[in-house]
Amino acid sequence: MSEAEFNLLLDAVHDAIILQDLAPVPEEQFVPRSWSFDATPKAANDNGGAWPLLPFPDGWYAAC
């Protein structure tokens, strides 16, 4: 094998490796889904209504 043939072989191997890295990776079991953003999700702790306002007892204050 001559040096020129060896260089052509190296170029072919290099191109094969580069093209293999650029090939798209197939997605596994891609299933298109329809997304609906119209409905607001229900909270996990939703117990059906607003809680009543319970004021602090006299002499108690809320502070941050």
PDB file of N, CA and C in Angstrom:
ATOM      1  N   MET A   1       0.866  -1.166   0.000  1.00  0.00           N
ATOM      2  CA  MET A   1       0.000   0.000   0.000  1.00  0.00           C
ATOM      3  C   MET A   1       0.907   1.221   0.000  1.00  0.00           C
ATOM      4  N   SER A   2       0.608   2.133  -0.909  1.00  0.00           N
ATOM      5  CA  SER A   2       1.407   3.348  -0.997  1.00  0.00           C
ATOM      6  C   SER A   2       0.927   4.360   0.044  1.00  0.00           C
ATOM      7  N   GLU A   3       1.723   5.404   0.212  1.00  0.00           N
ATOM      8  CA  GLU A   3       1.379   6.442   1.172  1.00  0.00           C
ATOM      9  C   GLU A   3       0.099   7.175   0.732  1.00  0.00           C
ATOM     10  N   ALA A   4      -0.057   7.369  -0.559  1.00  0.00           N
ATOM     11  CA  ALA A   4      -1.241   8.045  -1.081  1.00  0.00           C
ATOM     12  C   ALA A   4      -2.498   7.215  -0.807  1.00  0.00           C
ATOM     13  N   GLU A   5      -2.416   5.894  -1.028  1.00  0.00           N
ATOM     14  CA  GLU A   5      -3.556   5.027  -0.752  1.00  0.00           C
ATOM     15  C   GLU A   5      -3.875   4.993   0.739  1.00  0.00           C
ATOM     16  N   PHE A   6      -2.840   4.996   1.576  1.00  0.00           N
ATOM     17  CA  PHE A   6      -3.031   5.009   3.019  1.00  0.00           C
ATOM     18  C   PHE A   6      -3.729   6.291   3.462  1.00  0.00           C
ATOM     19  N   ASN A   7      -3.330   7.429   2.897  1.00  0.00           N
ATOM     20  CA  ASN A   7      -3.970   8.703   3.238  1.00  0.00           C
ATOM     21  C   ASN A   7      -5.431   8.723   2.785  1.00  0.00           C
ATOM     22  N   LEU A   8      -5.726   8.139   1.604  1.00  0.00           N
ATOM     23  CA  LEU A   8      -7.117   8.040   1.162  1.00  0.00           C
ATOM     24  C   LEU A   8      -7.929   7.170   2.115  1.00  0.00           C
ATOM     25  N   LEU A   9      -7.332   6.082   2.588  1.00  0.00           N
ATOM     26  CA  LEU A   9      -8.009   5.213   3.551  1.00  0.00           C
ATOM     27  C   LEU A   9      -8.292   5.955   4.855  1.00  0.00           C
ATOM     28  N   LEU A  10      -7.303   6.697   5.343  1.00  0.00           N
ATOM     29  CA  LEU A  10      -7.500   7.474   6.571  1.00  0.00           C
ATOM     30  C   LEU A  10      -8.599   8.521   6.387  1.00  0.00           C
ATOM     31  N   ASP A  11      -8.629   9.183   5.222  1.00  0.00           N
ATOM     32  CA  ASP A  11      -9.679  10.173   4.955  1.00  0.00           C
ATOM     33  C   ASP A  11     -11.061   9.514   4.935  1.00  0.00           C
ATOM     34  N   ALA A  12     -11.154   8.321   4.340  1.00  0.00           N
ATOM     35  CA  ALA A  12     -12.440   7.621   4.281  1.00  0.00           C
ATOM     36  C   ALA A  12     -12.908   7.225   5.675  1.00  0.00           C
ATOM     37  N   VAL A  13     -11.996   6.733   6.506  1.00  0.00           N
ATOM     38  CA  VAL A  13     -12.354   6.360   7.878  1.00  0.00           C
ATOM     39  C   VAL A  13     -12.759   7.597   8.676  1.00  0.00           C
ATOM     40  N   HIS A  14     -12.012   8.683   8.514  1.00  0.00           N
ATOM     41  CA  HIS A  14     -12.327   9.926   9.216  1.00  0.00           C
ATOM     42  C   HIS A  14     -13.714  10.419   8.834  1.00  0.00           C
ATOM     43  N   ASP A  15     -14.014  10.439   7.537  1.00  0.00           N
ATOM     44  CA  ASP A  15     -15.330  10.890   7.076  1.00  0.00           C
ATOM     45  C   ASP A  15     -16.444   9.986   7.602  1.00  0.00           C
ATOM     46  N   ALA A  16     -16.212   8.682   7.664  1.00  0.00           N
ATOM     47  CA  ALA A  16     -17.226   7.756   8.171  1.00  0.00           C
ATOM     48  C   ALA A  16     -17.508   8.010   9.642  1.00  0.00           C
ATOM     49  N   ILE A  17     -16.465   8.296  10.408  1.00  0.00           N
ATOM     50  CA  ILE A  17     -16.650   8.562  11.843  1.00  0.00           C
ATOM     51  C   ILE A  17     -17.384   9.880  12.042  1.00  0.00           C
ATOM     52  N   ILE A  18     -17.006  10.915  11.300  1.00  0.00           N
ATOM     53  CA  ILE A  18     -17.644  12.221  11.435  1.00  0.00           C
ATOM     54  C   ILE A  18     -19.116  12.129  11.040  1.00  0.00           C
ATOM     55  N   LEU A  19     -19.415  11.444   9.924  1.00  0.00           N
ATOM     56  CA  LEU A  19     -20.801  11.338   9.479  1.00  0.00           C
ATOM     57  C   LEU A  19     -21.632  10.498  10.433  1.00  0.00           C
ATOM     58  N   GLN A  20     -21.008   9.524  11.094  1.00  0.00           N
ATOM     59  CA  GLN A  20     -21.741   8.713  12.066  1.00  0.00           C
ATOM     60  C   GLN A  20     -22.147   9.567  13.258  1.00  0.00           C
ATOM     61  N   ASP A  21     -21.278  10.486  13.689  1.00  0.00           N
ATOM     62  CA  ASP A  21     -21.595  11.359  14.821  1.00  0.00           C
ATOM     63  C   ASP A  21     -22.690  12.355  14.473  1.00  0.00           C
ATOM     64  N   LEU A  22     -22.818  12.715  13.185  1.00  0.00           N
ATOM     65  CA  LEU A  22     -23.816  13.693  12.777  1.00  0.00           C
ATOM     66  C   LEU A  22     -25.154  13.068  12.421  1.00  0.00           C
ATOM     67  N   ALA A  23     -25.214  11.751  12.376  1.00  0.00           N
ATOM     68  CA  ALA A  23     -26.458  11.074  12.007  1.00  0.00           C
ATOM     69  C   ALA A  23     -27.507  11.296  13.102  1.00  0.00           C
ATOM     70  N   PRO A  24     -28.757  11.528  12.722  1.00  0.00           N
ATOM     71  CA  PRO A  24     -29.793  11.730  13.735  1.00  0.00           C
ATOM     72  C   PRO A  24     -30.055  10.454  14.517  1.00  0.00           C
ATOM     73  N   VAL A  25     -30.280  10.619  15.796  1.00  0.00           N
ATOM     74  CA  VAL A  25     -30.567   9.490  16.670  1.00  0.00           C
ATOM     75  C   VAL A  25     -32.074   9.265  16.660  1.00  0.00           C
ATOM     76  N   PRO A  26     -32.529   8.056  16.333  1.00  0.00           N
ATOM     77  CA  PRO A  26     -33.983   7.828  16.301  1.00  0.00           C
ATOM     78  C   PRO A  26     -34.585   7.911  17.703  1.00  0.00           C
ATOM     79  N   GLU A  27     -35.764   8.526  17.775  1.00  0.00           N
ATOM     80  CA  GLU A  27     -36.449   8.632  19.063  1.00  0.00           C
ATOM     81  C   GLU A  27     -37.169   7.326  19.344  1.00  0.00           C
ATOM     82  N   GLU A  28     -37.124   6.893  20.574  1.00  0.00           N
ATOM     83  CA  GLU A  28     -37.737   5.633  20.953  1.00  0.00           C
ATOM     84  C   GLU A  28     -39.214   5.823  21.229  1.00  0.00           C
ATOM     85  N   GLN A  29     -40.018   5.096  20.514  1.00  0.00           N
ATOM     86  CA  GLN A  29     -41.462   5.047  20.705  1.00  0.00           C
ATOM     87  C   GLN A  29     -42.077   6.439  20.859  1.00  0.00           C
ATOM     88  N   PHE A  30     -41.846   7.280  19.867  1.00  0.00           N
ATOM     89  CA  PHE A  30     -42.413   8.632  19.890  1.00  0.00           C
ATOM     90  C   PHE A  30     -43.909   8.548  19.642  1.00  0.00           C
ATOM     91  N   VAL A  31     -44.695   9.078  20.559  1.00  0.00           N
ATOM     92  CA  VAL A  31     -46.145   9.086  20.424  1.00  0.00           C
ATOM     93  C   VAL A  31     -46.603  10.540  20.515  1.00  0.00           C
ATOM     94  N   PRO A  32     -47.150  11.072  19.414  1.00  0.00           N
ATOM     95  CA  PRO A  32     -47.638  12.455  19.490  1.00  0.00           C
ATOM     96  C   PRO A  32     -48.839  12.543  20.425  1.00  0.00           C
ATOM     97  N   ARG A  33     -48.870  13.574  21.214  1.00  0.00           N
ATOM     98  CA  ARG A  33     -49.966  13.775  22.164  1.00  0.00           C
ATOM     99  C   ARG A  33     -50.590  15.132  21.918  1.00  0.00           C
ATOM    100  N   SER A  34     -51.876  15.209  22.136  1.00  0.00           N
ATOM    101  CA  SER A  34     -52.529  16.503  22.029  1.00  0.00           C
ATOM    102  C   SER A  34     -52.488  17.163  23.402  1.00  0.00           C
ATOM    103  N   TRP A  35     -52.071  18.399  23.415  1.00  0.00           N
ATOM    104  CA  TRP A  35     -51.951  19.138  24.663  1.00  0.00           C
ATOM    105  C   TRP A  35     -53.119  20.109  24.770  1.00  0.00           C
ATOM    106  N   SER A  36     -53.738  20.165  25.919  1.00  0.00           N
ATOM    107  CA  SER A  36     -54.841  21.074  26.153  1.00  0.00           C
ATOM    108  C   SER A  36     -54.454  22.021  27.276  1.00  0.00           C
ATOM    109  N   PHE A  37     -54.462  23.317  26.973  1.00  0.00           N
ATOM    110  CA  PHE A  37     -54.100  24.309  27.971  1.00  0.00           C
ATOM    111  C   PHE A  37     -55.293  25.145  28.403  1.00  0.00           C
ATOM    112  N   ASP A  38     -56.488  24.748  27.971  1.00  0.00           N
ATOM    113  CA  ASP A  38     -57.670  25.539  28.300  1.00  0.00           C
ATOM    114  C   ASP A  38     -58.113  25.352  29.748  1.00  0.00           C
ATOM    115  N   ALA A  39     -58.019  24.147  30.244  1.00  0.00           N
ATOM    116  CA  ALA A  39     -58.500  23.865  31.597  1.00  0.00           C
ATOM    117  C   ALA A  39     -57.373  24.081  32.608  1.00  0.00           C
ATOM    118  N   THR A  40     -57.733  24.710  33.715  1.00  0.00           N
ATOM    119  CA  THR A  40     -56.759  24.853  34.787  1.00  0.00           C
ATOM    120  C   THR A  40     -56.695  23.549  35.577  1.00  0.00           C
ATOM    121  N   PRO A  41     -55.505  23.110  35.918  1.00  0.00           N
ATOM    122  CA  PRO A  41     -55.402  21.858  36.656  1.00  0.00           C
ATOM    123  C   PRO A  41     -55.962  21.999  38.067  1.00  0.00           C
ATOM    124  N   LYS A  42     -56.521  20.940  38.570  1.00  0.00           N
ATOM    125  CA  LYS A  42     -57.078  20.934  39.916  1.00  0.00           C
ATOM    126  C   LYS A  42     -55.947  20.653  40.908  1.00  0.00           C
ATOM    127  N   ALA A  43     -55.904  21.409  41.971  1.00  0.00           N
ATOM    128  CA  ALA A  43     -54.862  21.231  42.972  1.00  0.00           C
ATOM    129  C   ALA A  43     -55.037  19.902  43.686  1.00  0.00           C
ATOM    130  N   ALA A  44     -53.936  19.308  44.108  1.00  0.00           N
ATOM    131  CA  ALA A  44     -53.981  18.011  44.778  1.00  0.00           C
ATOM    132  C   ALA A  44     -54.682  18.113  46.136  1.00  0.00           C
ATOM    133  N   ASN A  45     -54.619  19.282  46.765  1.00  0.00           N
ATOM    134  CA  ASN A  45     -55.231  19.441  48.080  1.00  0.00           C
ATOM    135  C   ASN A  45     -56.539  20.222  48.016  1.00  0.00           C
ATOM    136  N   ASP A  46     -57.181  20.249  46.859  1.00  0.00           N
ATOM    137  CA  ASP A  46     -58.428  20.989  46.711  1.00  0.00           C
ATOM    138  C   ASP A  46     -59.554  20.226  47.409  1.00  0.00           C
ATOM    139  N   ASN A  47     -60.135  20.839  48.405  1.00  0.00           N
ATOM    140  CA  ASN A  47     -61.222  20.167  49.128  1.00  0.00           C
ATOM    141  C   ASN A  47     -62.557  20.834  48.871  1.00  0.00           C
ATOM    142  N   GLY A  48     -62.690  21.483  47.735  1.00  0.00           N
ATOM    143  CA  GLY A  48     -64.009  21.901  47.300  1.00  0.00           C
ATOM    144  C   GLY A  48     -64.415  23.331  47.551  1.00  0.00           C
ATOM    145  N   GLY A  49     -63.641  24.149  48.150  1.00  0.00           N
ATOM    146  CA  GLY A  49     -64.092  25.523  48.344  1.00  0.00           C
ATOM    147  C   GLY A  49     -63.081  26.352  49.106  1.00  0.00           C
ATOM    148  N   ALA A  50     -63.392  27.640  49.163  1.00  0.00           N
ATOM    149  CA  ALA A  50     -62.513  28.557  49.884  1.00  0.00           C
ATOM    150  C   ALA A  50     -62.701  28.384  51.388  1.00  0.00           C
ATOM    151  N   TRP A  51     -61.627  28.462  52.101  1.00  0.00           N
ATOM    152  CA  TRP A  51     -61.705  28.358  53.551  1.00  0.00           C
ATOM    153  C   TRP A  51     -62.156  29.696  54.125  1.00  0.00           C
ATOM    154  N   PRO A  52     -62.840  29.694  55.236  1.00  0.00           N
ATOM    155  CA  PRO A  52     -63.273  30.963  55.836  1.00  0.00           C
ATOM    156  C   PRO A  52     -62.072  31.690  56.452  1.00  0.00           C
ATOM    157  N   LEU A  53     -62.172  32.997  56.505  1.00  0.00           N
ATOM    158  CA  LEU A  53     -61.126  33.799  57.113  1.00  0.00           C
ATOM    159  C   LEU A  53     -61.235  33.690  58.630  1.00  0.00           C
ATOM    160  N   LEU A  54     -60.180  33.241  59.255  1.00  0.00           N
ATOM    161  CA  LEU A  54     -60.147  33.144  60.721  1.00  0.00           C
ATOM    162  C   LEU A  54     -59.212  34.221  61.239  1.00  0.00           C
ATOM    163  N   PRO A  55     -59.743  35.228  61.880  1.00  0.00           N
ATOM    164  CA  PRO A  55     -58.889  36.311  62.360  1.00  0.00           C
ATOM    165  C   PRO A  55     -58.027  35.854  63.541  1.00  0.00           C
ATOM    166  N   PHE A  56     -56.906  36.560  63.729  1.00  0.00           N
ATOM    167  CA  PHE A  56     -56.066  36.288  64.892  1.00  0.00           C
ATOM    168  C   PHE A  56     -56.801  36.685  66.165  1.00  0.00           C
ATOM    169  N   PRO A  57     -56.533  35.988  67.243  1.00  0.00           N
ATOM    170  CA  PRO A  57     -57.134  36.400  68.522  1.00  0.00           C
ATOM    171  C   PRO A  57     -56.626  37.788  68.936  1.00  0.00           C
ATOM    172  N   ASP A  58     -57.353  38.425  69.826  1.00  0.00           N
ATOM    173  CA  ASP A  58     -56.940  39.748  70.297  1.00  0.00           C
ATOM    174  C   ASP A  58     -55.540  39.672  70.893  1.00  0.00           C
ATOM    175  N   GLY A  59     -54.693  40.618  70.486  1.00  0.00           N
ATOM    176  CA  GLY A  59     -53.333  40.688  71.003  1.00  0.00           C
ATOM    177  C   GLY A  59     -52.320  39.906  70.149  1.00  0.00           C
ATOM    178  N   TRP A  60     -52.757  39.189  69.163  1.00  0.00           N
ATOM    179  CA  TRP A  60     -51.850  38.458  68.273  1.00  0.00           C
ATOM    180  C   TRP A  60     -51.671  39.253  66.985  1.00  0.00           C
ATOM    181  N   TYR A  61     -50.453  39.196  66.437  1.00  0.00           N
ATOM    182  CA  TYR A  61     -50.154  39.908  65.214  1.00  0.00           C
ATOM    183  C   TYR A  61     -49.324  39.014  64.291  1.00  0.00           C
ATOM    184  N   ALA A  62     -49.512  39.206  63.018  1.00  0.00           N
ATOM    185  CA  ALA A  62     -48.710  38.484  62.036  1.00  0.00           C
ATOM    186  C   ALA A  62     -47.580  39.402  61.587  1.00  0.00           C
ATOM    187  N   ALA A  63     -46.387  38.902  61.597  1.00  0.00           N
ATOM    188  CA  ALA A  63     -45.240  39.679  61.158  1.00  0.00           C
ATOM    189  C   ALA A  63     -44.298  38.784  60.359  1.00  0.00           C
ATOM    190  N   CYS A  64     -43.630  39.376  59.413  1.00  0.00           N
ATOM    191  CA  CYS A  64     -42.656  38.618  58.601  1.00  0.00           C
ATOM    192  C   CYS A  64     -41.264  38.885  59.083  1.00  0.00           C
TER     193      CYS A  64
END
